[in-house]
Amino acid sequence: LLQDHLRSNYALNLIWVRDVEGIFNAHKIASTRVQSKMFWVVDADAVIENDFNFDYIPDVYDEEVVHVWASRNPVNGLEYGYGGVKLFPTKLVSNATSWGLDFTTGLSSRFKSMPQVSCVTKFNTDSYSAWRSAFRECVKLTLNNDTESIERLASWLNAAGNEPFTADAVKGAEQGNKFALVNKDNLNELNKINDFNWLNEQYNKSK
């Protein structure tokens, strides 16, 4: 879908990063395959909106700013940066040494939230994917603990629509929330949310 969207509208170089273990390593690899100062990142589960254009050009003062466009969440109806299209500074990604809890917000001291909805994030393609995505995101929202994050967390926890695997997403949200509260002062434990082998083990235990 992304390839068709780009082919019909833009002269962009599409690079498919696959068969790489770990989301941090995938971003690092992507940074070595581009020739530009910044590069776009589109998650594999993102369905790009027809009216979203990859034509944004930051001015010279924003070339070290992480830009994140909103996405639409099919399970709870939220529209914010989770799962959205991103524009990363190539050098910052290339020089990064760890993912941290959230690479997008932690990579640079400067972060810009772009209001336009760029895509629908189809994270709920199966039980595990829905659970894992909700678990990871709700750990972050719980730790943020600001008004906006608290409201978004409530939407994850109380989703009750008819989208596939909504119940799995709610379960992941509940368990992610509890995990964050128990381990809020234990960074080593919190960092496990980016270990997909560990997440798979937790999901299997939760069934």
N, C-alpha and C. Protein backbone atom coordinates (compact mmCIF):
# COMPACT_ATOMS: atom_id res chain seq x y z
N LEU A 1 0.82 -1.20 0.00
CA LEU A 1 0.00 0.00 0.00
C LEU A 1 0.86 1.26 0.00
N LEU A 2 1.91 1.28 0.82
CA LEU A 2 2.80 2.43 0.87
C LEU A 2 3.51 2.60 -0.47
N GLN A 3 3.96 1.49 -1.04
CA GLN A 3 4.66 1.55 -2.31
C GLN A 3 3.77 2.14 -3.40
N ASP A 4 2.52 1.73 -3.44
CA ASP A 4 1.58 2.27 -4.43
C ASP A 4 1.34 3.75 -4.20
N HIS A 5 1.21 4.14 -2.94
CA HIS A 5 0.98 5.54 -2.58
C HIS A 5 2.15 6.41 -3.04
N LEU A 6 3.37 5.95 -2.79
CA LEU A 6 4.54 6.72 -3.16
C LEU A 6 4.75 6.74 -4.67
N ARG A 7 4.52 5.61 -5.31
CA ARG A 7 4.75 5.51 -6.74
C ARG A 7 3.87 6.47 -7.51
N SER A 8 2.67 6.68 -7.01
CA SER A 8 1.72 7.52 -7.74
C SER A 8 1.87 9.01 -7.43
N ASN A 9 2.61 9.34 -6.37
CA ASN A 9 2.64 10.74 -5.95
C ASN A 9 4.02 11.38 -5.79
N TYR A 10 5.05 10.57 -5.56
CA TYR A 10 6.32 11.17 -5.15
C TYR A 10 7.52 10.51 -5.80
N ALA A 11 8.61 11.27 -5.85
CA ALA A 11 9.88 10.73 -6.32
C ALA A 11 10.77 10.46 -5.11
N LEU A 12 10.27 9.61 -4.20
CA LEU A 12 11.00 9.26 -2.99
C LEU A 12 11.61 7.88 -3.13
N ASN A 13 12.70 7.66 -2.43
CA ASN A 13 13.36 6.37 -2.43
C ASN A 13 12.80 5.53 -1.28
N LEU A 14 12.10 4.46 -1.60
CA LEU A 14 11.49 3.61 -0.59
C LEU A 14 12.45 2.48 -0.21
N ILE A 15 12.82 2.42 1.06
CA ILE A 15 13.73 1.39 1.56
C ILE A 15 12.98 0.52 2.55
N TRP A 16 12.94 -0.76 2.30
CA TRP A 16 12.24 -1.70 3.16
C TRP A 16 13.26 -2.37 4.08
N VAL A 17 13.19 -2.05 5.37
CA VAL A 17 14.09 -2.64 6.35
C VAL A 17 13.39 -3.86 6.95
N ARG A 18 13.96 -5.03 6.76
CA ARG A 18 13.34 -6.26 7.24
C ARG A 18 14.42 -7.26 7.63
N ASP A 19 14.00 -8.33 8.30
CA ASP A 19 14.91 -9.39 8.74
C ASP A 19 16.02 -8.84 9.64
N VAL A 20 15.66 -7.84 10.45
CA VAL A 20 16.60 -7.25 11.42
C VAL A 20 16.01 -7.47 12.80
N GLU A 21 16.78 -7.99 13.73
CA GLU A 21 16.28 -8.26 15.07
C GLU A 21 16.30 -6.98 15.91
N GLY A 22 15.15 -6.59 16.40
CA GLY A 22 15.06 -5.44 17.30
C GLY A 22 14.72 -4.15 16.57
N ILE A 23 13.81 -3.36 17.18
CA ILE A 23 13.39 -2.10 16.55
C ILE A 23 14.51 -1.06 16.55
N PHE A 24 15.36 -1.09 17.56
CA PHE A 24 16.49 -0.15 17.59
C PHE A 24 17.43 -0.44 16.43
N ASN A 25 17.79 -1.71 16.25
CA ASN A 25 18.68 -2.08 15.16
C ASN A 25 18.09 -1.75 13.80
N ALA A 26 16.78 -1.91 13.67
CA ALA A 26 16.12 -1.58 12.41
C ALA A 26 16.27 -0.10 12.07
N HIS A 27 16.11 0.76 13.06
CA HIS A 27 16.28 2.19 12.83
C HIS A 27 17.73 2.53 12.52
N LYS A 28 18.65 1.87 13.20
CA LYS A 28 20.08 2.11 12.94
C LYS A 28 20.43 1.73 11.50
N ILE A 29 19.94 0.57 11.06
CA ILE A 29 20.19 0.13 9.70
C ILE A 29 19.60 1.13 8.70
N ALA A 30 18.40 1.60 8.97
CA ALA A 30 17.76 2.57 8.08
C ALA A 30 18.62 3.82 7.93
N SER A 31 19.22 4.27 9.03
CA SER A 31 20.03 5.50 8.98
C SER A 31 21.28 5.34 8.13
N THR A 32 21.73 4.09 7.92
CA THR A 32 22.93 3.86 7.10
C THR A 32 22.60 3.73 5.62
N ARG A 33 21.32 3.61 5.30
CA ARG A 33 20.92 3.38 3.91
C ARG A 33 20.39 4.61 3.21
N VAL A 34 20.40 5.74 3.91
CA VAL A 34 19.90 6.97 3.29
C VAL A 34 21.05 7.93 3.05
N GLN A 35 20.83 8.85 2.14
CA GLN A 35 21.84 9.85 1.79
C GLN A 35 21.45 11.25 2.26
N SER A 36 20.29 11.37 2.86
CA SER A 36 19.75 12.68 3.25
C SER A 36 20.00 12.98 4.73
N LYS A 37 19.83 14.23 5.11
CA LYS A 37 20.03 14.65 6.49
C LYS A 37 18.93 14.12 7.41
N MET A 38 17.76 13.87 6.84
CA MET A 38 16.64 13.33 7.60
C MET A 38 16.00 12.22 6.77
N PHE A 39 15.29 11.31 7.46
CA PHE A 39 14.59 10.25 6.72
C PHE A 39 13.25 9.93 7.38
N TRP A 40 12.32 9.55 6.53
CA TRP A 40 10.98 9.18 7.00
C TRP A 40 10.99 7.75 7.52
N VAL A 41 10.17 7.49 8.52
CA VAL A 41 9.95 6.14 9.01
C VAL A 41 8.44 5.86 9.00
N VAL A 42 8.07 4.78 8.33
CA VAL A 42 6.68 4.34 8.29
C VAL A 42 6.64 2.91 8.81
N ASP A 43 5.92 2.69 9.89
CA ASP A 43 5.82 1.36 10.46
C ASP A 43 5.11 0.40 9.50
N ALA A 44 5.44 -0.87 9.62
CA ALA A 44 4.88 -1.87 8.71
C ALA A 44 3.36 -2.00 8.84
N ASP A 45 2.81 -1.63 10.01
CA ASP A 45 1.36 -1.76 10.21
C ASP A 45 0.61 -0.45 9.95
N ALA A 46 1.28 0.51 9.34
CA ALA A 46 0.64 1.80 9.06
C ALA A 46 -0.01 1.79 7.68
N VAL A 47 -1.27 2.20 7.62
CA VAL A 47 -1.98 2.37 6.35
C VAL A 47 -2.10 3.86 6.11
N ILE A 48 -1.34 4.37 5.14
CA ILE A 48 -1.23 5.81 4.93
C ILE A 48 -2.54 6.40 4.43
N GLU A 49 -2.92 7.53 5.00
CA GLU A 49 -4.11 8.24 4.56
C GLU A 49 -3.88 8.81 3.15
N ASN A 50 -4.93 8.78 2.34
CA ASN A 50 -4.80 9.23 0.95
C ASN A 50 -4.39 10.69 0.84
N ASP A 51 -4.76 11.50 1.82
CA ASP A 51 -4.46 12.93 1.73
C ASP A 51 -3.17 13.31 2.44
N PHE A 52 -2.42 12.31 2.90
CA PHE A 52 -1.15 12.64 3.55
C PHE A 52 -0.04 12.71 2.51
N ASN A 53 0.71 13.81 2.53
CA ASN A 53 1.77 14.03 1.55
C ASN A 53 3.15 14.02 2.21
N PHE A 54 4.06 13.30 1.62
CA PHE A 54 5.43 13.26 2.10
C PHE A 54 6.23 14.42 1.48
N ASP A 55 5.70 15.61 1.61
CA ASP A 55 6.33 16.76 0.97
C ASP A 55 6.78 17.82 1.98
N TYR A 56 6.70 17.49 3.26
CA TYR A 56 7.12 18.43 4.29
C TYR A 56 8.65 18.59 4.26
N ILE A 57 9.12 19.81 4.23
CA ILE A 57 10.56 20.10 4.24
C ILE A 57 10.85 21.00 5.43
N PRO A 58 11.53 20.50 6.46
CA PRO A 58 11.83 21.34 7.62
C PRO A 58 12.85 22.40 7.26
N ASP A 59 12.77 23.54 7.95
CA ASP A 59 13.79 24.55 7.70
C ASP A 59 15.08 24.13 8.41
N VAL A 60 16.13 24.86 8.18
CA VAL A 60 17.45 24.47 8.68
C VAL A 60 17.49 24.38 10.20
N TYR A 61 16.62 25.11 10.88
CA TYR A 61 16.60 25.10 12.34
C TYR A 61 15.91 23.86 12.90
N ASP A 62 15.21 23.12 12.04
CA ASP A 62 14.48 21.95 12.50
C ASP A 62 15.10 20.64 12.02
N GLU A 63 16.32 20.68 11.54
CA GLU A 63 16.94 19.48 10.99
C GLU A 63 17.44 18.52 12.07
N GLU A 64 17.40 18.94 13.33
CA GLU A 64 17.74 18.03 14.42
C GLU A 64 16.53 17.79 15.32
N VAL A 65 15.36 18.02 14.76
CA VAL A 65 14.10 17.84 15.49
C VAL A 65 13.43 16.56 15.01
N VAL A 66 12.98 15.75 15.94
CA VAL A 66 12.18 14.57 15.61
C VAL A 66 10.74 15.03 15.37
N HIS A 67 10.22 14.75 14.17
CA HIS A 67 8.86 15.12 13.82
C HIS A 67 7.99 13.87 13.84
N VAL A 68 6.83 13.97 14.46
CA VAL A 68 5.90 12.83 14.53
C VAL A 68 4.50 13.29 14.15
N TRP A 69 3.93 12.65 13.13
CA TRP A 69 2.57 12.96 12.71
C TRP A 69 1.59 12.04 13.46
N ALA A 70 0.38 12.47 13.59
CA ALA A 70 -0.63 11.69 14.29
C ALA A 70 -1.06 10.48 13.47
N SER A 71 -1.57 9.47 14.17
CA SER A 71 -2.20 8.34 13.50
C SER A 71 -3.56 8.11 14.14
N ARG A 72 -4.40 7.37 13.44
CA ARG A 72 -5.72 7.05 13.97
C ARG A 72 -5.70 5.62 14.50
N ASN A 73 -6.12 5.46 15.75
CA ASN A 73 -6.14 4.15 16.39
C ASN A 73 -7.51 3.50 16.16
N PRO A 74 -7.57 2.36 15.46
CA PRO A 74 -8.86 1.77 15.13
C PRO A 74 -9.58 1.15 16.33
N VAL A 75 -8.84 0.85 17.40
CA VAL A 75 -9.43 0.17 18.55
C VAL A 75 -10.11 1.14 19.51
N ASN A 76 -9.46 2.28 19.77
CA ASN A 76 -10.02 3.21 20.76
C ASN A 76 -10.34 4.60 20.20
N GLY A 77 -10.07 4.82 18.92
CA GLY A 77 -10.44 6.07 18.28
C GLY A 77 -9.51 7.24 18.54
N LEU A 78 -8.44 7.04 19.30
CA LEU A 78 -7.52 8.13 19.59
C LEU A 78 -6.75 8.56 18.34
N GLU A 79 -6.39 9.83 18.30
CA GLU A 79 -5.55 10.36 17.23
C GLU A 79 -4.39 11.12 17.86
N TYR A 80 -3.22 10.49 17.86
CA TYR A 80 -2.02 11.14 18.36
C TYR A 80 -0.80 10.43 17.77
N GLY A 81 0.38 10.67 18.28
CA GLY A 81 1.60 10.21 17.64
C GLY A 81 1.84 8.72 17.62
N TYR A 82 1.16 7.96 18.47
CA TYR A 82 1.38 6.52 18.51
C TYR A 82 1.12 5.89 17.14
N GLY A 83 2.15 5.26 16.57
CA GLY A 83 2.02 4.57 15.29
C GLY A 83 2.07 5.47 14.08
N GLY A 84 2.30 6.77 14.29
CA GLY A 84 2.28 7.72 13.18
C GLY A 84 3.57 7.76 12.38
N VAL A 85 3.52 8.40 11.24
CA VAL A 85 4.70 8.61 10.40
C VAL A 85 5.67 9.53 11.13
N LYS A 86 6.97 9.24 10.98
CA LYS A 86 7.99 10.01 11.68
C LYS A 86 9.05 10.49 10.71
N LEU A 87 9.66 11.61 11.06
CA LEU A 87 10.79 12.15 10.30
C LEU A 87 11.95 12.31 11.28
N PHE A 88 13.01 11.51 11.07
CA PHE A 88 14.13 11.47 11.99
C PHE A 88 15.37 12.16 11.43
N PRO A 89 16.15 12.83 12.28
CA PRO A 89 17.47 13.33 11.88
C PRO A 89 18.43 12.14 11.71
N THR A 90 18.99 11.98 10.55
CA THR A 90 19.80 10.81 10.24
C THR A 90 21.00 10.67 11.17
N LYS A 91 21.72 11.75 11.40
CA LYS A 91 22.94 11.67 12.22
C LYS A 91 22.62 11.28 13.65
N LEU A 92 21.54 11.80 14.21
CA LEU A 92 21.18 11.47 15.59
C LEU A 92 20.86 9.99 15.73
N VAL A 93 20.15 9.43 14.75
CA VAL A 93 19.83 8.00 14.79
C VAL A 93 21.11 7.19 14.64
N SER A 94 21.95 7.59 13.70
CA SER A 94 23.19 6.86 13.45
C SER A 94 24.09 6.84 14.67
N ASN A 95 24.11 7.92 15.44
CA ASN A 95 24.99 8.04 16.60
C ASN A 95 24.36 7.50 17.89
N ALA A 96 23.09 7.14 17.86
CA ALA A 96 22.40 6.67 19.06
C ALA A 96 23.01 5.35 19.55
N THR A 97 23.07 5.18 20.85
CA THR A 97 23.66 3.97 21.44
C THR A 97 22.63 3.08 22.11
N SER A 98 21.42 3.58 22.31
CA SER A 98 20.37 2.76 22.92
C SER A 98 19.01 3.31 22.52
N TRP A 99 18.00 2.45 22.65
CA TRP A 99 16.63 2.84 22.31
C TRP A 99 16.00 3.66 23.41
N GLY A 100 16.31 3.32 24.67
CA GLY A 100 15.61 3.95 25.78
C GLY A 100 14.18 3.43 25.84
N LEU A 101 13.39 4.00 26.70
CA LEU A 101 11.99 3.56 26.79
C LEU A 101 11.21 3.96 25.54
N ASP A 102 11.49 5.15 25.03
CA ASP A 102 10.80 5.63 23.83
C ASP A 102 11.79 6.38 22.96
N PHE A 103 12.21 5.75 21.89
CA PHE A 103 13.22 6.32 21.00
C PHE A 103 12.74 7.63 20.39
N THR A 104 11.47 7.68 20.04
CA THR A 104 10.93 8.84 19.35
C THR A 104 11.04 10.11 20.18
N THR A 105 10.68 10.03 21.45
CA THR A 105 10.71 11.22 22.30
C THR A 105 12.06 11.41 23.00
N GLY A 106 12.87 10.37 23.06
CA GLY A 106 14.13 10.46 23.79
C GLY A 106 15.34 10.73 22.93
N LEU A 107 15.21 10.59 21.60
CA LEU A 107 16.38 10.72 20.73
C LEU A 107 16.94 12.13 20.74
N SER A 108 16.09 13.11 20.66
CA SER A 108 16.52 14.51 20.57
C SER A 108 15.90 15.32 21.70
N SER A 109 16.57 16.39 22.07
CA SER A 109 16.00 17.29 23.07
C SER A 109 14.86 18.13 22.48
N ARG A 110 14.72 18.03 21.16
CA ARG A 110 13.69 18.79 20.47
C ARG A 110 12.75 17.82 19.75
N PHE A 111 11.47 18.01 19.96
CA PHE A 111 10.44 17.10 19.46
C PHE A 111 9.28 17.94 18.95
N LYS A 112 8.77 17.61 17.77
CA LYS A 112 7.65 18.37 17.22
C LYS A 112 6.50 17.43 16.88
N SER A 113 5.37 17.65 17.50
CA SER A 113 4.17 16.87 17.23
C SER A 113 3.39 17.53 16.10
N MET A 114 3.18 16.79 15.02
CA MET A 114 2.50 17.31 13.85
C MET A 114 1.03 16.85 13.89
N PRO A 115 0.08 17.75 13.81
CA PRO A 115 -1.32 17.42 14.06
C PRO A 115 -2.01 16.61 12.98
N GLN A 116 -1.56 16.67 11.74
CA GLN A 116 -2.27 15.97 10.66
C GLN A 116 -2.21 14.46 10.87
N VAL A 117 -3.32 13.79 10.64
CA VAL A 117 -3.36 12.34 10.73
C VAL A 117 -2.69 11.75 9.49
N SER A 118 -1.63 11.00 9.72
CA SER A 118 -0.85 10.46 8.61
C SER A 118 -1.30 9.07 8.17
N CYS A 119 -1.89 8.32 9.10
CA CYS A 119 -2.19 6.93 8.80
C CYS A 119 -3.17 6.35 9.81
N VAL A 120 -3.63 5.16 9.53
CA VAL A 120 -4.30 4.33 10.52
C VAL A 120 -3.29 3.29 10.96
N THR A 121 -3.08 3.14 12.26
CA THR A 121 -2.12 2.16 12.74
C THR A 121 -2.83 0.83 13.00
N LYS A 122 -2.67 -0.10 12.08
CA LYS A 122 -3.36 -1.39 12.13
C LYS A 122 -2.57 -2.39 12.99
N PHE A 123 -2.41 -2.05 14.25
CA PHE A 123 -1.65 -2.90 15.16
C PHE A 123 -2.42 -4.14 15.59
N ASN A 124 -3.73 -4.13 15.38
CA ASN A 124 -4.60 -5.20 15.88
C ASN A 124 -4.85 -6.25 14.79
N THR A 125 -3.78 -6.79 14.25
CA THR A 125 -3.91 -7.80 13.19
C THR A 125 -4.04 -9.21 13.74
N ASP A 126 -3.64 -9.41 14.99
CA ASP A 126 -3.78 -10.70 15.65
C ASP A 126 -3.75 -10.46 17.16
N SER A 127 -4.03 -11.49 17.92
CA SER A 127 -4.14 -11.37 19.37
C SER A 127 -2.85 -10.85 20.00
N TYR A 128 -1.73 -11.44 19.63
CA TYR A 128 -0.45 -11.06 20.24
C TYR A 128 -0.06 -9.64 19.88
N SER A 129 -0.18 -9.27 18.61
CA SER A 129 0.19 -7.91 18.19
C SER A 129 -0.64 -6.86 18.91
N ALA A 130 -1.94 -7.13 19.06
CA ALA A 130 -2.81 -6.17 19.76
C ALA A 130 -2.40 -6.05 21.22
N TRP A 131 -2.15 -7.19 21.87
CA TRP A 131 -1.75 -7.19 23.28
C TRP A 131 -0.42 -6.48 23.47
N ARG A 132 0.56 -6.85 22.65
CA ARG A 132 1.92 -6.28 22.77
C ARG A 132 1.93 -4.78 22.56
N SER A 133 1.25 -4.32 21.53
CA SER A 133 1.22 -2.88 21.24
C SER A 133 0.60 -2.10 22.38
N ALA A 134 -0.51 -2.60 22.89
CA ALA A 134 -1.20 -1.92 23.99
C ALA A 134 -0.36 -1.95 25.26
N PHE A 135 0.26 -3.07 25.54
CA PHE A 135 1.11 -3.20 26.73
C PHE A 135 2.22 -2.15 26.70
N ARG A 136 2.97 -2.09 25.60
CA ARG A 136 4.11 -1.17 25.49
C ARG A 136 3.66 0.29 25.60
N GLU A 137 2.61 0.63 24.88
CA GLU A 137 2.16 2.02 24.88
C GLU A 137 1.62 2.43 26.24
N CYS A 138 0.93 1.54 26.91
CA CYS A 138 0.33 1.91 28.20
C CYS A 138 1.35 1.95 29.33
N VAL A 139 2.46 1.25 29.18
CA VAL A 139 3.57 1.46 30.11
C VAL A 139 4.06 2.90 30.00
N LYS A 140 4.25 3.37 28.78
CA LYS A 140 4.75 4.73 28.57
C LYS A 140 3.74 5.78 29.06
N LEU A 141 2.47 5.58 28.75
CA LEU A 141 1.46 6.54 29.18
C LEU A 141 1.35 6.60 30.70
N THR A 142 1.48 5.44 31.35
CA THR A 142 1.41 5.39 32.82
C THR A 142 2.57 6.16 33.43
N LEU A 143 3.75 5.98 32.87
CA LEU A 143 4.94 6.64 33.40
C LEU A 143 4.90 8.15 33.15
N ASN A 144 4.33 8.57 32.03
CA ASN A 144 4.24 10.01 31.74
C ASN A 144 3.40 10.73 32.79
N ASN A 145 2.23 10.18 33.08
CA ASN A 145 1.40 10.64 34.19
C ASN A 145 0.99 12.11 34.11
N ASP A 146 0.95 12.68 32.90
CA ASP A 146 0.40 14.02 32.74
C ASP A 146 -1.07 13.89 32.34
N THR A 147 -1.78 15.00 32.33
CA THR A 147 -3.22 14.95 32.08
C THR A 147 -3.55 14.29 30.76
N GLU A 148 -2.84 14.67 29.71
CA GLU A 148 -3.11 14.11 28.38
C GLU A 148 -2.85 12.61 28.35
N SER A 149 -1.74 12.18 28.97
CA SER A 149 -1.42 10.75 29.00
C SER A 149 -2.43 9.96 29.81
N ILE A 150 -2.89 10.53 30.91
CA ILE A 150 -3.89 9.86 31.74
C ILE A 150 -5.19 9.67 30.97
N GLU A 151 -5.59 10.67 30.19
CA GLU A 151 -6.81 10.57 29.39
C GLU A 151 -6.65 9.52 28.29
N ARG A 152 -5.47 9.49 27.67
CA ARG A 152 -5.24 8.49 26.62
C ARG A 152 -5.20 7.08 27.21
N LEU A 153 -4.59 6.95 28.37
CA LEU A 153 -4.55 5.65 29.04
C LEU A 153 -5.96 5.15 29.32
N ALA A 154 -6.83 6.05 29.76
CA ALA A 154 -8.22 5.66 30.04
C ALA A 154 -8.91 5.15 28.79
N SER A 155 -8.60 5.75 27.65
CA SER A 155 -9.20 5.29 26.39
C SER A 155 -8.72 3.90 26.02
N TRP A 156 -7.44 3.63 26.23
CA TRP A 156 -6.91 2.28 25.99
C TRP A 156 -7.58 1.26 26.92
N LEU A 157 -7.69 1.62 28.18
CA LEU A 157 -8.22 0.69 29.17
C LEU A 157 -9.71 0.41 29.00
N ASN A 158 -10.42 1.35 28.41
CA ASN A 158 -11.87 1.23 28.33
C ASN A 158 -12.40 1.04 26.91
N ALA A 159 -11.52 0.68 26.00
CA ALA A 159 -11.97 0.44 24.62
C ALA A 159 -13.01 -0.67 24.58
N ALA A 160 -14.08 -0.44 23.85
CA ALA A 160 -15.18 -1.43 23.85
C ALA A 160 -15.86 -1.52 22.49
N GLY A 161 -15.09 -1.24 21.43
CA GLY A 161 -15.67 -1.29 20.09
C GLY A 161 -15.68 -2.69 19.50
N ASN A 162 -15.96 -2.76 18.21
CA ASN A 162 -16.09 -4.04 17.52
C ASN A 162 -14.88 -4.38 16.65
N GLU A 163 -13.81 -3.62 16.78
CA GLU A 163 -12.61 -3.92 15.99
C GLU A 163 -12.02 -5.26 16.41
N PRO A 164 -11.39 -5.97 15.49
CA PRO A 164 -10.77 -7.26 15.85
C PRO A 164 -9.75 -7.11 16.98
N PHE A 165 -9.77 -8.04 17.89
CA PHE A 165 -8.79 -8.17 18.97
C PHE A 165 -8.80 -6.99 19.95
N THR A 166 -9.96 -6.33 20.06
CA THR A 166 -10.09 -5.24 21.02
C THR A 166 -9.87 -5.75 22.45
N ALA A 167 -10.41 -6.90 22.77
CA ALA A 167 -10.27 -7.46 24.12
C ALA A 167 -8.80 -7.72 24.45
N ASP A 168 -8.03 -8.17 23.46
CA ASP A 168 -6.60 -8.41 23.68
C ASP A 168 -5.86 -7.10 23.92
N ALA A 169 -6.26 -6.06 23.20
CA ALA A 169 -5.65 -4.75 23.40
C ALA A 169 -5.95 -4.22 24.80
N VAL A 170 -7.19 -4.38 25.25
CA VAL A 170 -7.56 -3.93 26.59
C VAL A 170 -6.78 -4.71 27.65
N LYS A 171 -6.63 -5.99 27.45
CA LYS A 171 -5.87 -6.81 28.40
C LYS A 171 -4.42 -6.36 28.44
N GLY A 172 -3.83 -6.10 27.28
CA GLY A 172 -2.46 -5.61 27.23
C GLY A 172 -2.32 -4.26 27.91
N ALA A 173 -3.33 -3.40 27.72
CA ALA A 173 -3.31 -2.08 28.35
C ALA A 173 -3.35 -2.21 29.87
N GLU A 174 -4.22 -3.09 30.36
CA GLU A 174 -4.33 -3.29 31.81
C GLU A 174 -3.02 -3.82 32.40
N GLN A 175 -2.43 -4.79 31.73
CA GLN A 175 -1.21 -5.39 32.25
C GLN A 175 -0.02 -4.45 32.11
N GLY A 176 0.01 -3.65 31.04
CA GLY A 176 1.07 -2.66 30.89
C GLY A 176 0.99 -1.59 31.95
N ASN A 177 -0.23 -1.16 32.26
CA ASN A 177 -0.45 -0.18 33.32
C ASN A 177 0.04 -0.70 34.67
N LYS A 178 -0.31 -1.94 35.00
CA LYS A 178 0.11 -2.54 36.27
C LYS A 178 1.64 -2.72 36.31
N PHE A 179 2.20 -3.17 35.20
CA PHE A 179 3.65 -3.37 35.13
C PHE A 179 4.39 -2.06 35.37
N ALA A 180 3.91 -0.98 34.78
CA ALA A 180 4.56 0.32 34.95
C ALA A 180 4.46 0.82 36.39
N LEU A 181 3.31 0.63 37.02
CA LEU A 181 3.14 1.08 38.40
C LEU A 181 4.05 0.31 39.36
N VAL A 182 4.19 -0.99 39.13
CA VAL A 182 5.04 -1.81 40.00
C VAL A 182 6.51 -1.49 39.80
N ASN A 183 6.91 -1.16 38.57
CA ASN A 183 8.33 -1.02 38.23
C ASN A 183 8.73 0.41 37.88
N LYS A 184 7.96 1.38 38.31
CA LYS A 184 8.21 2.77 37.90
C LYS A 184 9.58 3.29 38.30
N ASP A 185 10.20 2.68 39.31
CA ASP A 185 11.53 3.12 39.75
C ASP A 185 12.62 2.12 39.37
N ASN A 186 12.28 1.18 38.49
CA ASN A 186 13.23 0.14 38.11
C ASN A 186 13.43 0.19 36.59
N LEU A 187 14.42 0.95 36.16
CA LEU A 187 14.64 1.16 34.73
C LEU A 187 14.99 -0.13 34.01
N ASN A 188 15.73 -1.01 34.66
CA ASN A 188 16.10 -2.27 34.03
C ASN A 188 14.87 -3.09 33.66
N GLU A 189 13.89 -3.11 34.56
CA GLU A 189 12.66 -3.83 34.26
C GLU A 189 11.86 -3.12 33.17
N LEU A 190 11.76 -1.81 33.27
CA LEU A 190 10.98 -1.05 32.30
C LEU A 190 11.53 -1.20 30.88
N ASN A 191 12.85 -1.30 30.75
CA ASN A 191 13.46 -1.43 29.43
C ASN A 191 13.08 -2.73 28.73
N LYS A 192 12.52 -3.67 29.46
CA LYS A 192 12.12 -4.95 28.86
C LYS A 192 10.98 -4.79 27.87
N ILE A 193 10.29 -3.65 27.89
CA ILE A 193 9.17 -3.47 26.97
C ILE A 193 9.65 -3.38 25.52
N ASN A 194 10.94 -3.23 25.31
CA ASN A 194 11.50 -3.22 23.96
C ASN A 194 12.17 -4.53 23.59
N ASP A 195 12.04 -5.53 24.45
CA ASP A 195 12.56 -6.87 24.20
C ASP A 195 11.39 -7.75 23.76
N PHE A 196 11.30 -8.02 22.47
CA PHE A 196 10.12 -8.71 21.95
C PHE A 196 10.08 -10.18 22.37
N ASN A 197 11.21 -10.78 22.67
CA ASN A 197 11.21 -12.14 23.20
C ASN A 197 10.58 -12.17 24.59
N TRP A 198 10.95 -11.19 25.41
CA TRP A 198 10.36 -11.07 26.75
C TRP A 198 8.87 -10.81 26.66
N LEU A 199 8.49 -9.92 25.75
CA LEU A 199 7.07 -9.60 25.59
C LEU A 199 6.27 -10.83 25.18
N ASN A 200 6.84 -11.65 24.30
CA ASN A 200 6.15 -12.86 23.88
C ASN A 200 5.95 -13.81 25.06
N GLU A 201 6.95 -13.88 25.93
CA GLU A 201 6.83 -14.71 27.13
C GLU A 201 5.72 -14.21 28.05
N GLN A 202 5.65 -12.89 28.22
CA GLN A 202 4.61 -12.31 29.08
C GLN A 202 3.22 -12.54 28.50
N TYR A 203 3.12 -12.43 27.19
CA TYR A 203 1.83 -12.67 26.54
C TYR A 203 1.39 -14.10 26.76
N ASN A 204 2.31 -15.06 26.60
CA ASN A 204 1.95 -16.47 26.78
C ASN A 204 1.55 -16.76 28.22
N LYS A 205 2.19 -16.09 29.16
CA LYS A 205 1.83 -16.25 30.56
C LYS A 205 0.45 -15.67 30.86
N SER A 206 0.07 -14.66 30.10
CA SER A 206 -1.18 -13.96 30.40
C SER A 206 -2.40 -14.72 29.90
N LYS A 207 -2.21 -15.67 29.02
CA LYS A 207 -3.34 -16.39 28.44
C LYS A 207 -3.96 -17.37 29.42
